[in-house]
Amino acid sequence: MRWEGREESQNVDDRRRRGNRGLMIGGGGAGILILLVLALCFGADPQQLAQLIGPNGQIVVAPGQPAGQEQPLDPAEERLASFSKVVFRDTEIVWDEQFRKIGKEYRKPTLVLYSGVVESACGTNDSAVGPFYCPGDEKVYIDLGFYQEMERKLKAPGEFARAYVIAHEVGHHVQNLLGYSQRVQEARQRLPRAQANEMSVRLELQADFLAGVWAHHAQKKFNFLEEGDVESALNAAFQIGDDTLQRKARGYVVPDAFTHGTSKQRMRWFTEGLRTGKLSGANQLFELDYGEL
């Protein structure tokens, strides 16, 4: 995939460089109570322990590194960060154009790069959840270590495979702006679990389709694809299909528990978006019978 030397997105919140801010325990009376217990049990000086109380009554345990101090980053990881920013910029350019064609404004999301644990409007998440989009703050969250997970555990290497993952999460942002996400959320609240899961599958497959639409137009504009790139993205779609993941984890498949779609479905809809490049085609994910997806 040809990406080096191209423009990077400026809508990036890089949280990897921030030093540990320390551990905060409790708050208000709870924090003070913990201090008293420590003083009684371990003979500590209450006055010294009182210095650990923060402005809101929480106990602040001093970190190993001063707050705000930047941590050194590995050059290989910086390359992955640069790659992610370039792909994210590509999505901004493509979706801005596509939205203008339908008379709408594309409100750009923010790319958050983090390591380990991250706070978002959707709560606290760790890297185990993988990349995700939070509609509450309109941000895409990625721990760059996930790219290694793709290669080692998911057997899905390749730069365009990584680009597919980013484009899929940005696809969720597109869904949010166009109202699909809210409609699915409302429908899920009133449906039985199995049918609610089917709605989630439709939404995820639509995000795959939108990732394909992005790739269609990005290729026309930037000519970035090289031999084997499309195959690497399709392999990634296959490896993260619900049936493939369940079979690896359990040895069997539970279709009613699917929330993202089968490997075949994910490959199909990414391919369809890549082939047509038509944003209007996203509607069919909610028009077709579930068995036809």
Protein backbone atom coordinates (compact mmCIF):
# COMPACT_ATOMS: atom_id res chain seq x y z
CA MET A 1 0.00 0.00 0.00
CA ARG A 2 1.43 3.35 -1.07
CA TRP A 3 0.90 5.86 1.73
CA GLU A 4 4.22 7.34 2.80
CA GLY A 5 4.78 11.05 2.26
CA ARG A 6 1.09 11.89 2.02
CA GLU A 7 -0.90 14.29 4.20
CA GLU A 8 -1.72 13.25 7.76
CA SER A 9 -4.92 14.13 9.59
CA GLN A 10 -4.73 16.98 12.09
CA ASN A 11 -7.79 15.70 13.95
CA VAL A 12 -5.72 13.46 16.18
CA ASP A 13 -5.58 13.16 19.96
CA ASP A 14 -2.40 11.23 20.72
CA ARG A 15 -2.62 10.08 24.34
CA ARG A 16 0.28 7.63 24.20
CA ARG A 17 2.85 10.23 25.30
CA ARG A 18 1.16 11.16 28.53
CA GLY A 19 2.83 10.00 31.73
CA ASN A 20 0.90 8.12 34.39
CA ARG A 21 -1.14 10.61 36.38
CA GLY A 22 -1.25 8.40 39.45
CA LEU A 23 -3.89 6.19 41.00
CA MET A 24 -6.96 7.84 42.50
CA ILE A 25 -8.94 5.97 45.15
CA GLY A 26 -12.30 6.90 46.52
CA GLY A 27 -13.51 10.42 47.13
CA GLY A 28 -14.93 12.62 49.86
CA GLY A 29 -15.51 10.76 53.12
CA ALA A 30 -14.47 7.44 51.60
CA GLY A 31 -10.96 8.73 50.94
CA ILE A 32 -10.58 10.05 54.47
CA LEU A 33 -11.89 6.78 55.93
CA ILE A 34 -9.29 4.80 54.00
CA LEU A 35 -6.57 7.06 55.39
CA LEU A 36 -7.71 6.45 58.96
CA VAL A 37 -7.70 2.67 58.41
CA LEU A 38 -4.17 2.84 56.99
CA ALA A 39 -2.99 4.92 59.93
CA LEU A 40 -4.48 2.53 62.51
CA CYS A 41 -3.33 -0.69 60.83
CA PHE A 42 0.19 0.29 59.83
CA GLY A 43 1.11 2.99 62.32
CA ALA A 44 1.37 5.62 59.61
CA ASP A 45 1.37 9.31 60.42
CA PRO A 46 -2.14 10.60 59.60
CA GLN A 47 -0.72 14.05 58.84
CA GLN A 48 1.62 12.61 56.21
CA LEU A 49 -1.16 10.51 54.70
CA ALA A 50 -3.40 13.57 54.60
CA GLN A 51 -1.03 15.08 52.07
CA LEU A 52 -2.18 12.41 49.62
CA ILE A 53 -5.76 13.73 49.60
CA GLY A 54 -6.62 15.43 46.34
CA PRO A 55 -8.86 18.49 45.90
CA ASN A 56 -12.01 16.36 45.64
CA GLY A 57 -11.20 14.15 48.60
CA GLN A 58 -9.68 11.32 46.56
CA ILE A 59 -6.43 9.60 47.53
CA VAL A 60 -3.75 10.21 44.92
CA VAL A 61 -0.95 7.65 44.90
CA ALA A 62 2.19 9.20 43.45
CA PRO A 63 3.02 7.85 39.99
CA GLY A 64 6.34 6.47 38.87
CA GLN A 65 6.63 9.23 36.28
CA PRO A 66 5.62 12.89 36.66
CA ALA A 67 2.25 13.81 35.18
CA GLY A 68 2.50 15.33 31.75
CA GLN A 69 6.03 14.02 31.11
CA GLU A 70 6.30 12.51 27.64
CA GLN A 71 7.29 8.88 27.32
CA PRO A 72 9.66 7.79 24.53
CA LEU A 73 7.95 6.02 21.65
CA ASP A 74 9.30 3.20 19.54
CA PRO A 75 10.16 4.24 15.94
CA ALA A 76 8.23 1.26 14.57
CA GLU A 77 5.17 2.36 16.53
CA GLU A 78 5.60 5.91 15.26
CA ARG A 79 5.48 4.54 11.73
CA LEU A 80 2.17 2.85 12.56
CA ALA A 81 0.90 6.13 14.01
CA SER A 82 1.88 8.00 10.85
CA PHE A 83 0.18 5.35 8.73
CA SER A 84 -3.01 5.65 10.78
CA LYS A 85 -3.03 9.43 10.44
CA VAL A 86 -2.59 9.23 6.67
CA VAL A 87 -5.44 6.74 6.30
CA PHE A 88 -7.60 8.82 8.61
CA ARG A 89 -6.91 11.88 6.44
CA ASP A 90 -7.90 9.86 3.38
CA THR A 91 -11.24 9.09 5.02
CA GLU A 92 -11.79 12.77 5.78
CA ILE A 93 -11.20 13.76 2.16
CA VAL A 94 -13.37 11.01 0.68
CA TRP A 95 -16.31 11.37 3.06
CA ASP A 96 -16.28 15.15 2.85
CA GLU A 97 -16.73 14.82 -0.92
CA GLN A 98 -19.39 12.11 -0.65
CA PHE A 99 -21.43 14.08 1.86
CA ARG A 100 -21.32 17.20 -0.28
CA LYS A 101 -22.74 15.16 -3.15
CA ILE A 102 -25.84 14.42 -1.09
CA GLY A 103 -26.12 17.96 0.25
CA LYS A 104 -24.85 17.22 3.74
CA GLU A 105 -21.90 18.38 5.82
CA TYR A 106 -19.35 15.83 6.96
CA ARG A 107 -18.43 16.54 10.56
CA LYS A 108 -14.94 15.12 10.93
CA PRO A 109 -14.33 12.67 13.78
CA THR A 110 -11.20 12.62 15.94
CA LEU A 111 -8.66 9.82 15.92
CA VAL A 112 -7.51 8.91 19.44
CA LEU A 113 -4.28 6.94 19.72
CA TYR A 114 -3.85 5.36 23.14
CA SER A 115 -1.99 2.61 24.93
CA GLY A 116 -3.54 0.23 27.43
CA VAL A 117 -6.61 1.91 28.90
CA VAL A 118 -8.61 4.87 27.61
CA GLU A 119 -11.49 7.03 28.80
CA SER A 120 -14.21 7.97 26.33
CA ALA A 121 -17.78 9.23 26.41
CA CYS A 122 -18.71 5.55 26.11
CA GLY A 123 -16.88 4.64 29.33
CA THR A 124 -13.50 3.13 30.19
CA ASN A 125 -12.08 0.59 27.76
CA ASP A 126 -8.83 -1.30 27.47
CA SER A 127 -6.99 -2.47 24.38
CA ALA A 128 -8.63 -5.91 24.60
CA VAL A 129 -11.81 -4.49 23.02
CA GLY A 130 -9.91 -3.56 19.87
CA PRO A 131 -10.49 -0.38 17.85
CA PHE A 132 -13.87 1.23 18.47
CA TYR A 133 -15.96 4.26 17.63
CA CYS A 134 -17.79 6.21 20.33
CA PRO A 135 -20.82 8.14 19.02
CA GLY A 136 -20.99 10.12 22.27
CA ASP A 137 -17.81 12.04 21.48
CA GLU A 138 -17.49 11.20 17.77
CA LYS A 139 -14.02 9.72 18.16
CA VAL A 140 -12.29 6.62 16.80
CA TYR A 141 -10.07 4.91 19.39
CA ILE A 142 -7.11 2.75 18.40
CA ASP A 143 -4.37 1.12 20.43
CA LEU A 144 -1.65 0.62 17.83
CA GLY A 145 -0.78 -2.68 19.49
CA PHE A 146 -3.91 -4.07 17.83
CA TYR A 147 -2.05 -4.16 14.52
CA GLN A 148 0.31 -6.72 16.03
CA GLU A 149 -2.69 -8.66 17.31
CA MET A 150 -4.03 -8.72 13.76
CA GLU A 151 -0.83 -10.30 12.50
CA ARG A 152 -0.09 -12.72 15.33
CA LYS A 153 -3.46 -13.84 16.66
CA LEU A 154 -5.92 -13.08 13.87
CA LYS A 155 -3.53 -14.01 11.05
CA ALA A 156 -4.52 -10.84 9.20
CA PRO A 157 -1.32 -9.01 8.22
CA GLY A 158 -0.95 -6.19 5.73
CA GLU A 159 -1.24 -2.42 5.65
CA PHE A 160 -4.48 -2.38 3.69
CA ALA A 161 -5.93 -4.80 6.24
CA ARG A 162 -5.17 -2.15 8.86
CA ALA A 163 -6.66 0.53 6.63
CA TYR A 164 -9.84 -1.57 6.37
CA VAL A 165 -10.11 -1.62 10.17
CA ILE A 166 -9.76 2.17 10.37
CA ALA A 167 -12.24 2.67 7.53
CA HIS A 168 -14.73 0.34 9.24
CA GLU A 169 -14.65 2.41 12.43
CA VAL A 170 -15.00 5.63 10.43
CA GLY A 171 -17.93 3.90 8.73
CA HIS A 172 -19.63 3.84 12.13
CA HIS A 173 -19.15 7.61 12.28
CA VAL A 174 -20.80 7.94 8.87
CA GLN A 175 -23.69 5.82 10.16
CA ASN A 176 -23.97 8.08 13.18
CA LEU A 177 -24.15 11.21 11.05
CA LEU A 178 -26.73 9.68 8.70
CA GLY A 179 -28.97 8.45 11.53
CA TYR A 180 -28.54 4.70 11.09
CA SER A 181 -26.92 4.18 14.48
CA GLN A 182 -29.72 5.85 16.41
CA ARG A 183 -32.39 3.89 14.55
CA VAL A 184 -30.65 0.62 15.35
CA GLN A 185 -30.19 1.56 19.00
CA GLU A 186 -33.87 2.39 19.34
CA ALA A 187 -34.89 -0.83 17.60
CA ARG A 188 -32.61 -2.97 19.75
CA GLN A 189 -34.23 -1.66 22.94
CA ARG A 190 -37.62 -3.07 22.00
CA LEU A 191 -36.59 -6.31 20.30
CA PRO A 192 -35.82 -9.76 21.76
CA ARG A 193 -32.13 -10.55 22.07
CA ALA A 194 -31.81 -12.62 18.89
CA GLN A 195 -33.50 -9.98 16.75
CA ALA A 196 -31.54 -7.22 18.45
CA ASN A 197 -28.36 -9.05 17.51
CA GLU A 198 -29.56 -9.20 13.92
CA MET A 199 -29.87 -5.42 13.90
CA SER A 200 -26.30 -5.18 15.17
CA VAL A 201 -25.15 -7.47 12.37
CA ARG A 202 -26.85 -5.24 9.80
CA LEU A 203 -25.10 -2.19 11.24
CA GLU A 204 -21.69 -3.86 11.26
CA LEU A 205 -22.05 -5.18 7.71
CA GLN A 206 -23.09 -1.71 6.63
CA ALA A 207 -19.88 -0.34 8.17
CA ASP A 208 -17.96 -2.92 6.12
CA PHE A 209 -19.82 -1.74 3.03
CA LEU A 210 -18.95 1.88 3.83
CA ALA A 211 -15.31 0.89 4.29
CA GLY A 212 -15.46 -0.51 0.78
CA VAL A 213 -17.08 2.67 -0.56
CA TRP A 214 -14.24 4.67 0.98
CA ALA A 215 -11.62 2.37 -0.57
CA HIS A 216 -13.28 2.71 -4.00
CA HIS A 217 -13.01 6.49 -4.02
CA ALA A 218 -9.67 6.66 -2.21
CA GLN A 219 -8.11 4.38 -4.83
CA LYS A 220 -9.38 6.64 -7.61
CA LYS A 221 -7.99 9.70 -5.87
CA PHE A 222 -4.69 8.42 -4.46
CA ASN A 223 -3.95 5.23 -6.44
CA PHE A 224 -2.56 3.64 -3.28
CA LEU A 225 -3.36 -0.03 -3.80
CA GLU A 226 -0.65 -2.52 -4.66
CA GLU A 227 -0.79 -6.17 -5.60
CA GLY A 228 -2.23 -8.25 -2.79
CA ASP A 229 -3.73 -5.32 -0.87
CA VAL A 230 -7.38 -6.12 -1.54
CA GLU A 231 -6.75 -9.75 -0.67
CA SER A 232 -5.24 -8.72 2.68
CA ALA A 233 -8.33 -6.67 3.54
CA LEU A 234 -10.65 -9.51 2.55
CA ASN A 235 -8.61 -11.89 4.68
CA ALA A 236 -8.99 -9.51 7.63
CA ALA A 237 -12.76 -9.41 7.06
CA PHE A 238 -12.77 -13.21 6.99
CA GLN A 239 -10.69 -13.60 10.15
CA ILE A 240 -12.95 -11.32 12.22
CA GLY A 241 -16.21 -12.90 11.13
CA ASP A 242 -18.37 -14.07 14.04
CA ASP A 243 -18.42 -17.69 12.89
CA THR A 244 -14.65 -17.84 12.44
CA LEU A 245 -13.97 -16.24 15.83
CA GLN A 246 -16.49 -18.49 17.59
CA ARG A 247 -15.12 -21.60 15.95
CA LYS A 248 -11.60 -20.72 17.08
CA ALA A 249 -12.70 -19.90 20.63
CA ARG A 250 -15.38 -22.55 21.24
CA GLY A 251 -15.02 -25.13 18.51
CA TYR A 252 -18.61 -24.54 17.40
CA VAL A 253 -20.86 -21.72 16.17
CA VAL A 254 -23.90 -20.04 17.79
CA PRO A 255 -25.62 -17.99 15.05
CA ASP A 256 -28.06 -16.28 17.44
CA ALA A 257 -25.05 -14.78 19.23
CA PHE A 258 -23.65 -13.16 16.08
CA THR A 259 -23.28 -9.39 16.35
CA HIS A 260 -20.94 -8.54 13.46
CA GLY A 261 -21.75 -11.02 10.71
CA THR A 262 -20.14 -14.14 9.30
CA SER A 263 -16.83 -14.16 7.50
CA LYS A 264 -18.61 -14.64 4.18
CA GLN A 265 -20.97 -11.74 4.87
CA ARG A 266 -18.21 -9.36 5.91
CA MET A 267 -16.17 -10.17 2.82
CA ARG A 268 -19.24 -9.80 0.60
CA TRP A 269 -20.26 -6.35 1.79
CA PHE A 270 -16.78 -4.88 1.85
CA THR A 271 -16.37 -6.15 -1.72
CA GLU A 272 -19.73 -4.68 -2.74
CA GLY A 273 -18.80 -1.25 -1.41
CA LEU A 274 -15.39 -1.45 -3.07
CA ARG A 275 -16.96 -2.46 -6.39
CA THR A 276 -19.75 0.11 -6.58
CA GLY A 277 -18.54 3.07 -4.52
CA LYS A 278 -22.17 4.08 -4.07
CA LEU A 279 -23.14 5.51 -0.70
CA SER A 280 -26.81 5.04 -1.60
CA GLY A 281 -26.23 1.29 -1.59
CA ALA A 282 -25.94 1.36 2.20
CA ASN A 283 -29.73 1.32 2.49
CA GLN A 284 -29.99 -2.26 1.25
CA LEU A 285 -28.42 -3.57 4.45
CA PHE A 286 -31.69 -2.65 6.18
CA GLU A 287 -33.98 -3.50 3.26
CA LEU A 288 -32.94 -7.08 2.52
CA ASP A 289 -34.31 -9.98 4.53
CA TYR A 290 -31.81 -11.08 7.14
CA GLY A 291 -31.26 -14.39 5.37
CA GLU A 292 -30.25 -12.56 2.20
CA LEU A 293 -27.39 -10.61 3.75
